[in-house]
Amino acid sequence: MMKKRLFLIIVLILGWCCFLFGQEECTVAVVSGKATVDGRPMLWKNRDTSTLDNEVAYFTDGKYPYIGVINAGDRSQVWMGVNATGFAIMNSESQDLEGDTLDAEGYFMKQALMECATAWDFEQLLLKTNESGRETKANFGVIDATGAAMIFETGNHSFTKFDANNPQTAPLGFIVRANFAMTPVDTSKSYGHVRYRRANELFEKFVRQKELSHRTILRFIARDLANEKVDPYPLPFNGQENERPHGFVRTYHSINRFRTASCAVFHGVLPNENPLLTTMWVILGEPICGVAIPLWVAAGAVPVAVDGDSIALLNNLIHQLERKAYPDTSLNQYVDTRVLVNQNGQGLLPRLFELEDANFNMTEKRLKKWRQSLFSAESVFKYESKLAAQSIKWLQRLNRKDEF
């Protein structure tokens, strides 16, 4: 009898650990074109998960070709992506929604990318699967080439739509979610409130300043390190948190987390533009240690740097920089901000921003050209491969440096 009780206790502990470390604790947002500097809608996700090896894959197994972030080696699920029609989708887990089953969100988003061209199509897919049921408890965010930008709080048999273009739903044109819903069934399963409040604060700031763009999301929001106790800015943090070494900040409740495996901003198109020019800016790793590169379905493939046999090279190099930023393995949730930016204003982040700014500036010029004339899949693939290769060389040099 005693052995049986001990076995049950061990099973419960293991199950609880799997819950804690396997869940998708993401921070996300949908943005209407009325809130952005260029009038184009955007979709953002910081993917927080224990599956840290991520890559990007190109798919042709549905009605529409698409690209998406996947767990390395697993093409059965997609965790954020965009298809040839300009329809993009992402999610954050929301266990407080109705239903008894979850964790099929990756399969469901893959299905949506395969067959949906618009937010309306996605809503029809939800209506169709309400009766049969879905193993989903998530906040799904979508944008499309018509300018739609919506969040769907989605349980097993029901959903609620929130429209970023509706002033009543989103007065400033954006909607943020973490890991809880505005239509919860069980609030005891809600979490991520610190990240939600911080992301809302930052989005509002940039909208009111008329500065919200893919650049500001990637630079300032996706990489934000403020938590429930400390606002470490300006870096480096010179204080002390939880009696840990000076300069170390805990990234458990921050937007950029020690569990952030990847990040993407989908920069949409204006209604009269080619939907193939919807740009997926992706960081394959923790944002503070990585660099964003642009990808397009129009290329007809993805660079080998983001889609490896076992682990993508870009992802691997960013993991190496993560180990520099988290130098003490006994403090695996604490980043050393002095590695990111030192007292002289140098460090890892300024070097990453130098490369990323080059990627942004070159891509703005290239997109301007593509929007005004015809382009080929070959030219798009050649361009994104060039930027990926340049980013690889830069990250390799950073990994060889001793000062980080």
Protein backbone atom coordinates (compact mmCIF):
# COMPACT_ATOMS: atom_id res chain seq x y z
CA MET A 1 0.00 0.00 0.00
CA MET A 2 2.84 2.37 0.91
CA LYS A 3 4.64 1.65 -2.38
CA LYS A 4 1.44 2.34 -4.32
CA ARG A 5 1.00 5.72 -2.59
CA LEU A 6 4.62 6.63 -3.27
CA PHE A 7 4.18 5.71 -6.95
CA LEU A 8 1.08 7.91 -7.23
CA ILE A 9 2.89 10.84 -5.60
CA ILE A 10 5.79 10.49 -8.07
CA VAL A 11 3.37 10.36 -11.01
CA LEU A 12 1.61 13.52 -9.79
CA ILE A 13 4.91 15.36 -9.33
CA LEU A 14 6.12 14.36 -12.79
CA GLY A 15 2.80 15.39 -14.30
CA TRP A 16 2.97 18.79 -12.60
CA CYS A 17 6.53 19.31 -13.84
CA CYS A 18 5.44 18.50 -17.38
CA PHE A 19 2.66 21.06 -17.02
CA LEU A 20 5.02 23.72 -15.75
CA PHE A 21 7.77 23.21 -18.29
CA GLY A 22 5.86 22.05 -21.34
CA GLN A 23 3.26 24.77 -21.67
CA GLU A 24 3.39 27.48 -24.32
CA GLU A 25 3.68 30.67 -22.26
CA CYS A 26 3.60 33.21 -25.10
CA THR A 27 3.00 36.95 -25.37
CA VAL A 28 1.24 38.08 -28.55
CA ALA A 29 -0.52 40.97 -30.27
CA VAL A 30 -2.53 41.84 -33.38
CA VAL A 31 -2.30 45.37 -34.74
CA SER A 32 -4.62 47.20 -37.10
CA GLY A 33 -3.11 49.28 -39.88
CA LYS A 34 -4.65 52.37 -38.29
CA ALA A 35 -2.17 51.98 -35.39
CA THR A 36 1.00 51.52 -37.44
CA VAL A 37 3.32 54.05 -39.04
CA ASP A 38 2.72 52.76 -42.57
CA GLY A 39 -0.93 51.66 -42.40
CA ARG A 40 -0.10 47.95 -42.71
CA PRO A 41 -1.43 45.44 -40.14
CA MET A 42 0.96 43.41 -38.01
CA LEU A 43 0.99 40.21 -35.99
CA TRP A 44 3.53 39.49 -33.21
CA LYS A 45 4.42 36.51 -31.07
CA ASN A 46 7.15 35.74 -28.56
CA ARG A 47 7.05 31.96 -28.36
CA ASP A 48 7.81 30.71 -24.83
CA THR A 49 8.28 26.96 -24.60
CA SER A 50 10.59 24.23 -23.34
CA THR A 51 11.16 23.19 -26.97
CA LEU A 52 14.01 25.62 -27.61
CA ASP A 53 15.25 24.24 -30.95
CA ASN A 54 13.12 26.05 -33.51
CA GLU A 55 13.39 26.44 -37.28
CA VAL A 56 11.37 27.76 -40.23
CA ALA A 57 9.98 25.47 -42.91
CA TYR A 58 8.35 25.98 -46.31
CA PHE A 59 5.24 23.89 -47.03
CA THR A 60 3.29 22.97 -50.18
CA ASP A 61 0.95 20.39 -48.62
CA GLY A 62 -2.20 22.54 -48.63
CA LYS A 63 -4.33 24.75 -50.83
CA TYR A 64 -1.81 27.55 -50.35
CA PRO A 65 1.99 27.41 -49.91
CA TYR A 66 3.12 28.73 -46.53
CA ILE A 67 6.08 29.21 -44.20
CA GLY A 68 6.09 28.83 -40.44
CA VAL A 69 8.07 28.35 -37.26
CA ILE A 70 8.23 24.71 -36.21
CA ASN A 71 9.90 22.58 -33.58
CA ALA A 72 13.14 21.38 -35.16
CA GLY A 73 12.44 18.28 -37.23
CA ASP A 74 8.65 18.30 -36.68
CA ARG A 75 6.66 19.42 -39.73
CA SER A 76 3.33 18.20 -38.30
CA GLN A 77 2.72 21.44 -36.36
CA VAL A 78 3.24 25.16 -37.01
CA TRP A 79 3.52 27.68 -34.18
CA MET A 80 3.27 30.88 -36.24
CA GLY A 81 3.24 31.36 -39.98
CA VAL A 82 1.94 33.02 -43.13
CA ASN A 83 0.68 31.68 -46.46
CA ALA A 84 0.71 32.90 -50.06
CA THR A 85 -2.55 34.85 -49.65
CA GLY A 86 -1.09 37.05 -46.89
CA PHE A 87 -3.05 35.21 -44.18
CA ALA A 88 -0.89 34.95 -41.04
CA ILE A 89 -1.64 33.24 -37.74
CA MET A 90 -0.15 32.75 -34.27
CA ASN A 91 -1.40 31.79 -30.80
CA SER A 92 -0.92 31.98 -27.07
CA GLU A 93 -2.11 29.22 -24.77
CA SER A 94 -5.14 30.13 -22.64
CA GLN A 95 -6.05 27.28 -20.33
CA ASP A 96 -8.85 29.27 -18.70
CA LEU A 97 -11.12 28.79 -21.74
CA GLU A 98 -13.86 26.17 -21.99
CA GLY A 99 -13.10 22.54 -22.72
CA ASP A 100 -11.20 19.58 -21.34
CA THR A 101 -8.49 19.16 -23.98
CA LEU A 102 -5.70 21.31 -25.38
CA ASP A 103 -2.23 21.19 -27.00
CA ALA A 104 -3.48 20.70 -30.57
CA GLU A 105 -2.99 24.37 -31.41
CA GLY A 106 0.05 23.68 -33.61
CA TYR A 107 -1.92 21.19 -35.72
CA PHE A 108 -4.86 23.58 -35.97
CA MET A 109 -2.71 26.52 -37.10
CA LYS A 110 -1.10 24.31 -39.73
CA GLN A 111 -4.58 23.42 -41.01
CA ALA A 112 -5.55 27.10 -41.08
CA LEU A 113 -2.46 28.04 -43.10
CA MET A 114 -3.21 25.23 -45.54
CA GLU A 115 -6.76 26.34 -46.31
CA CYS A 116 -7.54 29.90 -45.11
CA ALA A 117 -7.07 33.03 -47.22
CA THR A 118 -8.73 35.56 -44.89
CA ALA A 119 -9.74 36.11 -41.28
CA TRP A 120 -13.30 35.37 -42.45
CA ASP A 121 -12.15 31.94 -43.70
CA PHE A 122 -10.59 31.27 -40.32
CA GLU A 123 -13.81 32.23 -38.58
CA GLN A 124 -15.69 29.78 -40.82
CA LEU A 125 -13.17 27.07 -39.88
CA LEU A 126 -13.88 27.80 -36.21
CA LEU A 127 -17.63 27.66 -36.79
CA LYS A 128 -17.26 24.36 -38.63
CA THR A 129 -15.19 22.81 -35.85
CA ASN A 130 -17.35 24.12 -33.01
CA GLU A 131 -19.68 21.15 -33.39
CA SER A 132 -17.07 18.45 -33.96
CA GLY A 133 -14.80 19.96 -31.33
CA ARG A 134 -11.15 21.07 -31.25
CA GLU A 135 -8.34 20.21 -28.85
CA THR A 136 -7.58 23.91 -28.50
CA LYS A 137 -7.63 26.36 -25.61
CA ALA A 138 -5.87 29.37 -27.09
CA ASN A 139 -5.95 32.97 -28.19
CA PHE A 140 -5.46 32.80 -31.96
CA GLY A 141 -4.36 36.00 -33.70
CA VAL A 142 -4.72 36.51 -37.45
CA ILE A 143 -4.14 39.19 -40.08
CA ASP A 144 -4.79 39.06 -43.81
CA ALA A 145 -4.28 41.02 -47.03
CA THR A 146 -7.62 42.83 -46.64
CA GLY A 147 -6.35 44.59 -43.50
CA ALA A 148 -8.17 42.39 -40.99
CA ALA A 149 -6.51 42.00 -37.58
CA MET A 150 -8.32 39.83 -35.06
CA ILE A 151 -7.98 37.74 -31.91
CA PHE A 152 -10.15 34.65 -31.45
CA GLU A 153 -10.35 33.31 -27.90
CA THR A 154 -10.95 29.68 -28.75
CA GLY A 155 -12.05 26.78 -26.57
CA ASN A 156 -13.00 23.22 -27.54
CA HIS A 157 -16.49 24.08 -28.79
CA SER A 158 -16.79 27.88 -28.81
CA PHE A 159 -14.90 31.08 -29.58
CA THR A 160 -15.14 34.85 -29.11
CA LYS A 161 -13.85 37.32 -31.70
CA PHE A 162 -12.04 40.59 -30.91
CA ASP A 163 -11.45 42.98 -33.81
CA ALA A 164 -8.45 45.36 -33.72
CA ASN A 165 -10.19 47.53 -36.34
CA ASN A 166 -13.19 48.04 -34.07
CA PRO A 167 -12.80 51.14 -31.80
CA GLN A 168 -15.00 49.50 -29.16
CA THR A 169 -12.87 46.36 -29.05
CA ALA A 170 -9.52 48.08 -29.53
CA PRO A 171 -9.62 51.87 -28.99
CA LEU A 172 -5.97 52.29 -30.05
CA GLY A 173 -6.01 49.67 -32.81
CA PHE A 174 -4.12 46.84 -31.10
CA ILE A 175 -4.98 43.80 -28.97
CA VAL A 176 -2.49 42.11 -26.64
CA ARG A 177 -2.83 38.69 -25.07
CA ALA A 178 -0.68 36.56 -22.80
CA ASN A 179 -1.96 33.32 -21.25
CA PHE A 180 -5.46 34.21 -20.21
CA ALA A 181 -8.67 35.21 -21.94
CA MET A 182 -11.14 38.05 -21.53
CA THR A 183 -13.87 35.38 -21.68
CA PRO A 184 -12.51 32.87 -19.14
CA VAL A 185 -14.33 29.87 -17.73
CA ASP A 186 -11.80 29.11 -14.99
CA THR A 187 -9.66 32.07 -13.89
CA SER A 188 -7.54 29.82 -11.65
CA LYS A 189 -5.83 28.68 -14.86
CA SER A 190 -4.99 32.21 -16.04
CA TYR A 191 -1.37 33.38 -16.03
CA GLY A 192 0.96 35.87 -17.74
CA HIS A 193 -0.61 39.03 -16.29
CA VAL A 194 2.73 40.78 -15.74
CA ARG A 195 3.74 40.26 -19.39
CA TYR A 196 0.29 41.34 -20.55
CA ARG A 197 0.35 44.61 -18.61
CA ARG A 198 3.89 45.46 -19.73
CA ALA A 199 3.18 44.70 -23.39
CA ASN A 200 0.01 46.80 -23.29
CA GLU A 201 1.95 49.68 -21.77
CA LEU A 202 4.62 49.54 -24.47
CA PHE A 203 2.18 49.19 -27.37
CA GLU A 204 0.17 52.16 -26.11
CA LYS A 205 3.32 54.23 -25.77
CA PHE A 206 4.43 53.62 -29.37
CA VAL A 207 0.94 54.07 -30.82
CA ARG A 208 0.47 57.40 -29.05
CA GLN A 209 3.92 58.49 -30.24
CA LYS A 210 3.00 57.33 -33.79
CA GLU A 211 6.07 55.08 -33.82
CA LEU A 212 4.57 51.57 -33.87
CA SER A 213 6.26 49.47 -36.55
CA HIS A 214 7.85 46.07 -36.99
CA ARG A 215 11.11 47.73 -35.94
CA THR A 216 9.82 49.06 -32.63
CA ILE A 217 8.06 45.78 -31.79
CA LEU A 218 11.21 43.74 -32.41
CA ARG A 219 13.61 46.23 -30.85
CA PHE A 220 11.75 47.42 -27.76
CA ILE A 221 8.77 45.14 -27.04
CA ALA A 222 9.91 41.63 -27.96
CA ARG A 223 13.22 42.22 -26.16
CA ASP A 224 11.81 43.89 -23.04
CA LEU A 225 13.30 42.71 -19.73
CA ALA A 226 11.15 44.51 -17.14
CA ASN A 227 9.53 42.17 -14.63
CA GLU A 228 7.16 42.46 -11.67
CA LYS A 229 9.93 43.79 -9.41
CA VAL A 230 12.50 45.54 -11.58
CA ASP A 231 12.58 47.91 -14.54
CA PRO A 232 16.25 47.50 -15.50
CA TYR A 233 16.38 50.33 -18.04
CA PRO A 234 18.61 51.93 -19.09
CA LEU A 235 20.91 48.92 -19.37
CA PRO A 236 23.05 47.73 -17.77
CA PHE A 237 21.03 47.17 -14.62
CA ASN A 238 23.23 48.35 -11.75
CA GLY A 239 20.98 47.14 -8.96
CA GLN A 240 20.40 43.79 -7.31
CA GLU A 241 17.31 41.58 -7.59
CA ASN A 242 16.39 38.85 -5.10
CA GLU A 243 19.88 39.04 -3.53
CA ARG A 244 21.40 37.76 -6.78
CA PRO A 245 24.63 39.27 -8.20
CA HIS A 246 24.53 42.92 -9.25
CA GLY A 247 23.42 43.34 -12.85
CA PHE A 248 21.43 40.10 -13.03
CA VAL A 249 17.71 40.32 -13.87
CA ARG A 250 15.20 37.48 -13.61
CA THR A 251 13.44 36.85 -16.91
CA TYR A 252 10.65 34.59 -15.67
CA HIS A 253 7.88 37.20 -15.88
CA SER A 254 9.39 39.50 -18.50
CA ILE A 255 8.28 39.62 -22.15
CA ASN A 256 11.69 38.41 -23.30
CA ARG A 257 12.07 35.25 -21.24
CA PHE A 258 14.68 32.59 -20.64
CA ARG A 259 12.06 30.30 -22.26
CA THR A 260 11.52 32.43 -25.38
CA ALA A 261 12.46 30.02 -28.14
CA SER A 262 11.62 32.26 -31.10
CA CYS A 263 9.91 35.48 -32.09
CA ALA A 264 8.17 36.71 -35.22
CA VAL A 265 6.50 39.86 -36.49
CA PHE A 266 4.37 39.50 -39.60
CA HIS A 267 4.36 42.82 -41.45
CA GLY A 268 1.28 42.83 -43.65
CA VAL A 269 0.37 44.60 -46.87
CA LEU A 270 -1.95 47.40 -47.91
CA PRO A 271 -5.19 46.26 -49.62
CA ASN A 272 -3.86 47.06 -53.11
CA GLU A 273 -0.47 45.37 -52.64
CA ASN A 274 0.69 41.88 -53.56
CA PRO A 275 -0.03 39.62 -50.55
CA LEU A 276 3.15 37.67 -51.33
CA LEU A 277 5.03 40.68 -49.95
CA THR A 278 3.76 40.01 -46.42
CA THR A 279 7.06 39.84 -44.55
CA MET A 280 7.85 37.43 -41.75
CA TRP A 281 10.55 38.94 -39.55
CA VAL A 282 11.82 36.06 -37.44
CA ILE A 283 14.32 35.65 -34.60
CA LEU A 284 15.19 31.98 -34.10
CA GLY A 285 16.05 32.16 -30.42
CA GLU A 286 15.71 34.45 -27.43
CA PRO A 287 15.27 37.97 -28.87
CA ILE A 288 17.95 39.67 -26.71
CA CYS A 289 20.52 37.23 -28.11
CA GLY A 290 19.32 37.05 -31.70
CA VAL A 291 18.79 39.05 -34.85
CA ALA A 292 15.69 39.39 -37.03
CA ILE A 293 15.81 38.31 -40.66
CA PRO A 294 13.04 38.65 -43.28
CA LEU A 295 11.38 35.72 -45.05
CA TRP A 296 8.65 35.51 -47.68
CA VAL A 297 6.41 32.76 -49.05
CA ALA A 298 7.14 34.36 -52.43
CA ALA A 299 10.66 32.86 -52.33
CA GLY A 300 9.29 29.35 -52.81
CA ALA A 301 11.71 28.05 -50.17
CA VAL A 302 13.55 29.12 -47.02
CA PRO A 303 17.33 29.53 -46.62
CA VAL A 304 19.21 26.51 -45.30
CA ALA A 305 20.36 28.69 -42.37
CA VAL A 306 16.85 28.57 -40.86
CA ASP A 307 15.91 24.98 -41.78
CA GLY A 308 18.58 22.49 -40.71
CA ASP A 309 18.64 18.70 -40.66
CA SER A 310 18.62 18.57 -36.85
CA ILE A 311 18.94 22.20 -35.73
CA ALA A 312 19.00 25.34 -37.85
CA LEU A 313 22.43 27.00 -37.93
CA LEU A 314 20.94 30.40 -37.12
CA ASN A 315 19.17 28.91 -34.10
CA ASN A 316 22.32 27.15 -32.92
CA LEU A 317 24.43 30.32 -33.08
CA ILE A 318 21.83 32.27 -31.10
CA HIS A 319 21.78 29.49 -28.49
CA GLN A 320 25.53 29.97 -28.09
CA LEU A 321 25.02 33.69 -27.43
CA GLU A 322 22.28 32.83 -24.92
CA ARG A 323 24.84 30.87 -22.92
CA LYS A 324 27.02 33.99 -22.79
CA ALA A 325 24.09 36.13 -21.56
CA TYR A 326 23.17 33.54 -18.91
CA PRO A 327 26.69 32.69 -17.67
CA ASP A 328 25.70 31.15 -14.33
CA THR A 329 23.91 27.81 -14.86
CA SER A 330 22.73 27.86 -11.25
CA LEU A 331 20.81 31.06 -12.12
CA ASN A 332 19.27 29.86 -15.37
CA GLN A 333 16.42 32.42 -15.18
CA TYR A 334 18.76 35.38 -14.64
CA VAL A 335 20.36 37.28 -17.51
CA ASP A 336 23.54 39.27 -16.91
CA THR A 337 22.58 42.66 -18.34
CA ARG A 338 26.26 43.70 -18.35
CA VAL A 339 26.82 41.16 -21.14
CA LEU A 340 24.03 42.81 -23.13
CA VAL A 341 25.24 46.39 -22.58
CA ASN A 342 28.29 47.30 -20.52
CA GLN A 343 29.06 50.55 -18.69
CA ASN A 344 30.66 51.96 -21.84
CA GLY A 345 27.50 51.38 -23.90
CA GLN A 346 29.09 48.47 -25.73
CA GLY A 347 28.18 44.79 -25.56
CA LEU A 348 26.08 42.16 -27.28
CA LEU A 349 22.92 44.17 -27.96
CA PRO A 350 24.59 47.12 -29.74
CA ARG A 351 26.38 44.66 -32.05
CA LEU A 352 23.17 42.78 -32.78
CA PHE A 353 21.32 46.04 -33.42
CA GLU A 354 24.01 47.11 -35.88
CA LEU A 355 23.35 44.00 -37.98
CA GLU A 356 19.59 44.16 -37.56
CA ASP A 357 19.46 47.81 -38.62
CA ALA A 358 21.31 46.86 -41.79
CA ASN A 359 18.73 44.10 -42.42
CA PHE A 360 15.88 46.56 -41.84
CA ASN A 361 17.31 49.30 -44.06
CA MET A 362 18.20 47.03 -46.99
CA THR A 363 14.82 45.32 -46.83
CA GLU A 364 12.88 48.59 -46.83
CA LYS A 365 14.64 49.55 -50.06
CA ARG A 366 14.05 46.12 -51.58
CA LEU A 367 10.36 46.07 -50.63
CA LYS A 368 9.87 49.52 -52.11
CA LYS A 369 11.27 48.21 -55.39
CA TRP A 370 9.21 45.01 -55.32
CA ARG A 371 6.00 46.93 -54.59
CA GLN A 372 6.52 48.98 -57.75
CA SER A 373 7.45 46.21 -60.16
CA LEU A 374 7.29 42.50 -60.83
CA PHE A 375 9.60 40.16 -58.95
CA SER A 376 10.52 36.50 -59.27
CA ALA A 377 10.67 33.75 -56.67
CA GLU A 378 14.34 33.36 -57.54
CA SER A 379 15.12 37.02 -56.79
CA VAL A 380 13.27 36.90 -53.45
CA PHE A 381 14.99 33.68 -52.40
CA LYS A 382 18.38 35.05 -53.43
CA TYR A 383 17.83 38.19 -51.38
CA GLU A 384 16.62 36.48 -48.18
CA SER A 385 19.41 33.91 -48.45
CA LYS A 386 21.96 36.71 -48.75
CA LEU A 387 20.72 38.39 -45.57
CA ALA A 388 20.58 35.07 -43.72
CA ALA A 389 24.17 34.27 -44.76
CA GLN A 390 25.38 37.72 -43.67
CA SER A 391 23.63 37.27 -40.33
CA ILE A 392 25.30 33.88 -39.88
CA LYS A 393 28.77 35.36 -40.44
CA TRP A 394 28.05 38.20 -38.01
CA LEU A 395 26.81 35.82 -35.30
CA GLN A 396 29.81 33.56 -35.79
CA ARG A 397 32.11 36.53 -35.19
CA LEU A 398 30.18 37.53 -32.07
CA ASN A 399 30.47 34.00 -30.70
CA ARG A 400 34.25 34.14 -31.11
CA LYS A 401 34.50 37.33 -29.04
CA ASP A 402 35.56 37.06 -25.41
CA GLU A 403 34.14 40.33 -24.11
CA PHE A 404 30.55 39.03 -23.96
